[in-house]
Amino acid sequence: MNLLNMLDSIAQISDAEHPSIFPFGFSMHIALAIISVIFFAYRFATQKRPFQLIFAIAPPISLALWISDNKTLFYAVGLIEFILILAALISTFICKPKKAEEAADAKKSEEK
């Protein structure tokens, strides 16, 4: 039995015992969502880049999938997450920092 077949078999056994959308439980999902919100909120507070605020908002929305197994909710959350990721991508190009800010940030990081 090669490694890929073994991993596939383990995944199928795990899915049969505990069917879920996610490969990890609710407690780990909520912990990762809280960590990501704290991280991106802190980065937004320090750098003031819009995509960081968008990424701080997105993870808690995925927690809505635990409410129900409804396919409509599943696709709605997926669409919302896709729109937020697209908005974050667009905001990185639209809201570029000015050259003076980049130079000040580089100088500040060199002093540390």
N, C-alpha and C. Protein backbone atom coordinates (compact mmCIF):
# COMPACT_ATOMS: atom_id res chain seq x y z
N MET A 1 0.86 -1.18 0.00
CA MET A 1 0.00 0.00 0.00
C MET A 1 0.90 1.24 0.00
N ASN A 2 0.72 2.08 -0.99
CA ASN A 2 1.54 3.27 -1.01
C ASN A 2 0.95 4.35 -0.09
N LEU A 3 1.70 5.41 0.10
CA LEU A 3 1.34 6.46 1.06
C LEU A 3 0.03 7.16 0.69
N LEU A 4 -0.19 7.44 -0.59
CA LEU A 4 -1.40 8.13 -1.00
C LEU A 4 -2.65 7.30 -0.74
N ASN A 5 -2.58 6.00 -1.00
CA ASN A 5 -3.73 5.13 -0.72
C ASN A 5 -4.02 5.07 0.77
N MET A 6 -2.95 5.05 1.58
CA MET A 6 -3.13 5.00 3.02
C MET A 6 -3.81 6.28 3.53
N LEU A 7 -3.35 7.45 3.04
CA LEU A 7 -3.95 8.71 3.45
C LEU A 7 -5.40 8.81 3.00
N ASP A 8 -5.68 8.32 1.81
CA ASP A 8 -7.05 8.32 1.31
C ASP A 8 -7.95 7.43 2.17
N SER A 9 -7.45 6.27 2.54
CA SER A 9 -8.21 5.35 3.40
C SER A 9 -8.49 5.97 4.76
N ILE A 10 -7.49 6.63 5.34
CA ILE A 10 -7.68 7.28 6.64
C ILE A 10 -8.71 8.39 6.54
N ALA A 11 -8.68 9.15 5.48
CA ALA A 11 -9.65 10.24 5.29
C ALA A 11 -11.06 9.68 5.15
N GLN A 12 -11.22 8.57 4.44
CA GLN A 12 -12.54 7.97 4.27
C GLN A 12 -13.07 7.43 5.59
N ILE A 13 -12.22 6.82 6.39
CA ILE A 13 -12.63 6.30 7.69
C ILE A 13 -13.06 7.45 8.60
N SER A 14 -12.28 8.53 8.59
CA SER A 14 -12.60 9.69 9.42
C SER A 14 -13.93 10.31 9.00
N ASP A 15 -14.17 10.42 7.70
CA ASP A 15 -15.43 10.98 7.20
C ASP A 15 -16.62 10.10 7.56
N ALA A 16 -16.42 8.80 7.56
CA ALA A 16 -17.52 7.89 7.89
C ALA A 16 -17.89 7.99 9.36
N GLU A 17 -16.89 8.20 10.22
CA GLU A 17 -17.16 8.29 11.65
C GLU A 17 -17.76 9.62 12.05
N HIS A 18 -17.22 10.69 11.51
CA HIS A 18 -17.65 12.05 11.85
C HIS A 18 -17.80 12.89 10.58
N PRO A 19 -18.92 12.77 9.89
CA PRO A 19 -19.07 13.53 8.65
C PRO A 19 -19.17 15.03 8.95
N SER A 20 -18.38 15.81 8.23
CA SER A 20 -18.36 17.25 8.42
C SER A 20 -17.75 17.90 7.20
N ILE A 21 -17.99 19.18 7.07
CA ILE A 21 -17.38 19.94 5.98
C ILE A 21 -15.91 20.17 6.26
N PHE A 22 -15.58 20.34 7.52
CA PHE A 22 -14.23 20.70 7.93
C PHE A 22 -13.45 19.48 8.43
N PRO A 23 -12.16 19.48 8.23
CA PRO A 23 -11.36 18.35 8.72
C PRO A 23 -11.02 18.46 10.20
N PHE A 24 -11.56 19.46 10.88
CA PHE A 24 -11.32 19.64 12.31
C PHE A 24 -12.61 20.06 12.99
N GLY A 25 -12.64 20.00 14.30
CA GLY A 25 -13.85 20.25 15.05
C GLY A 25 -14.20 21.72 15.23
N PHE A 26 -15.36 21.93 15.85
CA PHE A 26 -15.86 23.29 16.07
C PHE A 26 -14.93 24.09 16.97
N SER A 27 -14.41 23.46 18.02
CA SER A 27 -13.54 24.20 18.95
C SER A 27 -12.28 24.71 18.26
N MET A 28 -11.70 23.90 17.39
CA MET A 28 -10.51 24.36 16.67
C MET A 28 -10.87 25.44 15.64
N HIS A 29 -12.02 25.29 15.01
CA HIS A 29 -12.46 26.28 14.04
C HIS A 29 -12.68 27.64 14.71
N ILE A 30 -13.34 27.64 15.87
CA ILE A 30 -13.58 28.91 16.56
C ILE A 30 -12.27 29.50 17.07
N ALA A 31 -11.35 28.65 17.52
CA ALA A 31 -10.05 29.15 17.98
C ALA A 31 -9.28 29.80 16.82
N LEU A 32 -9.27 29.16 15.66
CA LEU A 32 -8.58 29.73 14.51
C LEU A 32 -9.24 31.03 14.04
N ALA A 33 -10.56 31.08 14.11
CA ALA A 33 -11.27 32.31 13.73
C ALA A 33 -10.93 33.45 14.69
N ILE A 34 -10.87 33.17 15.98
CA ILE A 34 -10.53 34.20 16.97
C ILE A 34 -9.10 34.67 16.78
N ILE A 35 -8.18 33.74 16.57
CA ILE A 35 -6.78 34.11 16.34
C ILE A 35 -6.64 34.98 15.11
N SER A 36 -7.32 34.62 14.03
CA SER A 36 -7.20 35.41 12.79
C SER A 36 -7.83 36.79 12.95
N VAL A 37 -8.95 36.88 13.67
CA VAL A 37 -9.56 38.20 13.90
C VAL A 37 -8.63 39.08 14.71
N ILE A 38 -8.04 38.53 15.77
CA ILE A 38 -7.12 39.31 16.60
C ILE A 38 -5.91 39.74 15.79
N PHE A 39 -5.34 38.82 15.00
CA PHE A 39 -4.15 39.14 14.21
C PHE A 39 -4.43 40.25 13.19
N PHE A 40 -5.49 40.07 12.39
CA PHE A 40 -5.76 41.06 11.35
C PHE A 40 -6.27 42.38 11.93
N ALA A 41 -6.98 42.34 13.04
CA ALA A 41 -7.41 43.59 13.68
C ALA A 41 -6.19 44.36 14.20
N TYR A 42 -5.23 43.64 14.78
CA TYR A 42 -4.00 44.29 15.24
C TYR A 42 -3.22 44.88 14.07
N ARG A 43 -3.10 44.11 13.00
CA ARG A 43 -2.37 44.61 11.82
C ARG A 43 -3.08 45.83 11.22
N PHE A 44 -4.42 45.82 11.23
CA PHE A 44 -5.15 46.98 10.72
C PHE A 44 -4.93 48.18 11.64
N ALA A 45 -4.90 47.96 12.93
CA ALA A 45 -4.69 49.06 13.88
C ALA A 45 -3.31 49.68 13.71
N THR A 46 -2.32 48.88 13.35
CA THR A 46 -0.97 49.41 13.20
C THR A 46 -0.68 49.96 11.80
N GLN A 47 -1.21 49.32 10.76
CA GLN A 47 -0.87 49.71 9.39
C GLN A 47 -1.98 50.44 8.65
N LYS A 48 -3.21 50.29 9.08
CA LYS A 48 -4.37 50.97 8.45
C LYS A 48 -4.55 50.62 6.97
N ARG A 49 -4.39 49.35 6.63
CA ARG A 49 -4.64 48.89 5.27
C ARG A 49 -6.01 48.23 5.21
N PRO A 50 -6.85 48.59 4.26
CA PRO A 50 -8.23 48.08 4.22
C PRO A 50 -8.35 46.57 4.08
N PHE A 51 -7.43 45.94 3.37
CA PHE A 51 -7.55 44.49 3.18
C PHE A 51 -7.41 43.75 4.51
N GLN A 52 -6.69 44.33 5.47
CA GLN A 52 -6.54 43.69 6.77
C GLN A 52 -7.86 43.70 7.53
N LEU A 53 -8.61 44.77 7.39
CA LEU A 53 -9.93 44.84 8.03
C LEU A 53 -10.89 43.84 7.38
N ILE A 54 -10.80 43.71 6.07
CA ILE A 54 -11.65 42.74 5.36
C ILE A 54 -11.31 41.33 5.81
N PHE A 55 -10.02 41.03 5.94
CA PHE A 55 -9.62 39.70 6.39
C PHE A 55 -9.95 39.46 7.87
N ALA A 56 -10.12 40.52 8.65
CA ALA A 56 -10.55 40.36 10.03
C ALA A 56 -12.04 40.04 10.11
N ILE A 57 -12.80 40.48 9.14
CA ILE A 57 -14.24 40.25 9.11
C ILE A 57 -14.58 38.87 8.55
N ALA A 58 -13.80 38.37 7.62
CA ALA A 58 -14.14 37.14 6.90
C ALA A 58 -14.17 35.86 7.74
N PRO A 59 -13.21 35.58 8.60
CA PRO A 59 -13.22 34.28 9.31
C PRO A 59 -14.46 34.00 10.16
N PRO A 60 -14.98 34.98 10.91
CA PRO A 60 -16.17 34.65 11.71
C PRO A 60 -17.39 34.27 10.86
N ILE A 61 -17.43 34.73 9.62
CA ILE A 61 -18.55 34.39 8.75
C ILE A 61 -18.57 32.88 8.45
N SER A 62 -17.39 32.28 8.37
CA SER A 62 -17.34 30.84 8.09
C SER A 62 -17.90 30.02 9.24
N LEU A 63 -17.99 30.59 10.43
CA LEU A 63 -18.58 29.88 11.56
C LEU A 63 -20.07 29.62 11.37
N ALA A 64 -20.69 30.37 10.48
CA ALA A 64 -22.12 30.19 10.21
C ALA A 64 -22.41 28.81 9.62
N LEU A 65 -21.42 28.16 9.05
CA LEU A 65 -21.63 26.83 8.47
C LEU A 65 -21.95 25.78 9.52
N TRP A 66 -21.60 26.05 10.76
CA TRP A 66 -21.89 25.10 11.83
C TRP A 66 -23.35 25.17 12.27
N ILE A 67 -24.06 26.21 11.86
CA ILE A 67 -25.46 26.39 12.27
C ILE A 67 -26.35 25.32 11.65
N SER A 68 -26.12 25.04 10.38
CA SER A 68 -27.03 24.15 9.66
C SER A 68 -26.28 23.44 8.54
N ASP A 69 -26.84 22.33 8.09
CA ASP A 69 -26.28 21.60 6.94
C ASP A 69 -26.97 22.00 5.63
N ASN A 70 -27.67 23.11 5.64
CA ASN A 70 -28.41 23.60 4.49
C ASN A 70 -27.43 24.00 3.37
N LYS A 71 -27.66 23.49 2.17
CA LYS A 71 -26.78 23.81 1.03
C LYS A 71 -26.85 25.29 0.65
N THR A 72 -28.02 25.92 0.84
CA THR A 72 -28.16 27.33 0.52
C THR A 72 -27.24 28.17 1.40
N LEU A 73 -27.20 27.85 2.69
CA LEU A 73 -26.30 28.55 3.62
C LEU A 73 -24.85 28.31 3.22
N PHE A 74 -24.54 27.08 2.85
CA PHE A 74 -23.18 26.72 2.43
C PHE A 74 -22.74 27.57 1.24
N TYR A 75 -23.59 27.67 0.24
CA TYR A 75 -23.23 28.45 -0.95
C TYR A 75 -23.25 29.94 -0.68
N ALA A 76 -24.13 30.40 0.19
CA ALA A 76 -24.17 31.83 0.54
C ALA A 76 -22.90 32.24 1.26
N VAL A 77 -22.46 31.43 2.21
CA VAL A 77 -21.21 31.72 2.92
C VAL A 77 -20.03 31.68 1.95
N GLY A 78 -20.02 30.72 1.06
CA GLY A 78 -18.95 30.65 0.05
C GLY A 78 -18.93 31.88 -0.84
N LEU A 79 -20.10 32.34 -1.25
CA LEU A 79 -20.18 33.53 -2.09
C LEU A 79 -19.71 34.78 -1.33
N ILE A 80 -20.12 34.90 -0.08
CA ILE A 80 -19.70 36.04 0.74
C ILE A 80 -18.18 36.03 0.93
N GLU A 81 -17.63 34.85 1.24
CA GLU A 81 -16.17 34.75 1.42
C GLU A 81 -15.43 35.08 0.12
N PHE A 82 -15.95 34.61 -1.01
CA PHE A 82 -15.34 34.92 -2.30
C PHE A 82 -15.36 36.42 -2.57
N ILE A 83 -16.48 37.07 -2.29
CA ILE A 83 -16.59 38.52 -2.49
C ILE A 83 -15.62 39.27 -1.59
N LEU A 84 -15.49 38.83 -0.33
CA LEU A 84 -14.56 39.49 0.59
C LEU A 84 -13.11 39.31 0.16
N ILE A 85 -12.76 38.12 -0.30
CA ILE A 85 -11.40 37.90 -0.78
C ILE A 85 -11.13 38.73 -2.02
N LEU A 86 -12.10 38.81 -2.92
CA LEU A 86 -11.96 39.65 -4.12
C LEU A 86 -11.82 41.12 -3.74
N ALA A 87 -12.63 41.58 -2.78
CA ALA A 87 -12.55 42.97 -2.31
C ALA A 87 -11.19 43.25 -1.67
N ALA A 88 -10.66 42.30 -0.92
CA ALA A 88 -9.34 42.46 -0.32
C ALA A 88 -8.26 42.55 -1.38
N LEU A 89 -8.38 41.71 -2.39
CA LEU A 89 -7.40 41.73 -3.49
C LEU A 89 -7.45 43.06 -4.23
N ILE A 90 -8.62 43.54 -4.53
CA ILE A 90 -8.77 44.82 -5.23
C ILE A 90 -8.26 45.96 -4.36
N SER A 91 -8.55 45.92 -3.06
CA SER A 91 -8.12 47.01 -2.18
C SER A 91 -6.60 47.08 -2.03
N THR A 92 -5.91 45.95 -2.22
CA THR A 92 -4.45 46.02 -2.15
C THR A 92 -3.87 46.82 -3.30
N PHE A 93 -4.53 46.78 -4.46
CA PHE A 93 -4.05 47.53 -5.60
C PHE A 93 -4.52 48.99 -5.58
N ILE A 94 -5.72 49.22 -5.08
CA ILE A 94 -6.27 50.57 -5.07
C ILE A 94 -5.66 51.42 -3.96
N CYS A 95 -5.51 50.85 -2.79
CA CYS A 95 -5.05 51.59 -1.60
C CYS A 95 -3.59 51.30 -1.32
N LYS A 96 -2.73 51.57 -2.27
CA LYS A 96 -1.30 51.37 -2.06
C LYS A 96 -0.76 52.48 -1.16
N PRO A 97 0.19 52.13 -0.27
CA PRO A 97 0.78 53.17 0.58
C PRO A 97 1.65 54.11 -0.25
N LYS A 98 1.74 55.33 0.18
CA LYS A 98 2.56 56.30 -0.53
C LYS A 98 4.03 56.01 -0.32
N LYS A 99 4.85 56.51 -1.20
CA LYS A 99 6.30 56.26 -1.14
C LYS A 99 6.90 56.76 0.17
N ALA A 100 6.44 57.91 0.66
CA ALA A 100 6.97 58.46 1.90
C ALA A 100 6.66 57.54 3.08
N GLU A 101 5.46 56.96 3.09
CA GLU A 101 5.09 56.04 4.15
C GLU A 101 5.93 54.77 4.09
N GLU A 102 6.18 54.29 2.88
CA GLU A 102 7.00 53.09 2.73
C GLU A 102 8.42 53.34 3.22
N ALA A 103 8.96 54.50 2.89
CA ALA A 103 10.31 54.84 3.33
C ALA A 103 10.37 54.96 4.86
N ALA A 104 9.36 55.55 5.45
CA ALA A 104 9.31 55.69 6.91
C ALA A 104 9.18 54.32 7.58
N ASP A 105 8.37 53.44 7.01
CA ASP A 105 8.23 52.10 7.56
C ASP A 105 9.54 51.32 7.46
N ALA A 106 10.21 51.44 6.33
CA ALA A 106 11.48 50.75 6.13
C ALA A 106 12.53 51.28 7.10
N LYS A 107 12.54 52.58 7.29
CA LYS A 107 13.51 53.18 8.21
C LYS A 107 13.23 52.75 9.64
N LYS A 108 11.95 52.68 9.99
CA LYS A 108 11.57 52.27 11.35
C LYS A 108 11.95 50.83 11.61
N SER A 109 11.77 49.96 10.62
CA SER A 109 12.10 48.55 10.81
C SER A 109 13.62 48.33 10.86
N GLU A 110 14.39 49.18 10.19
CA GLU A 110 15.84 49.07 10.24
C GLU A 110 16.38 49.49 11.60
N GLU A 111 15.71 50.46 12.24
CA GLU A 111 16.16 50.92 13.55
C GLU A 111 15.95 49.88 14.62
N LYS A 112 14.97 49.01 14.44
CA LYS A 112 14.68 47.98 15.44
C LYS A 112 15.67 46.90 15.33
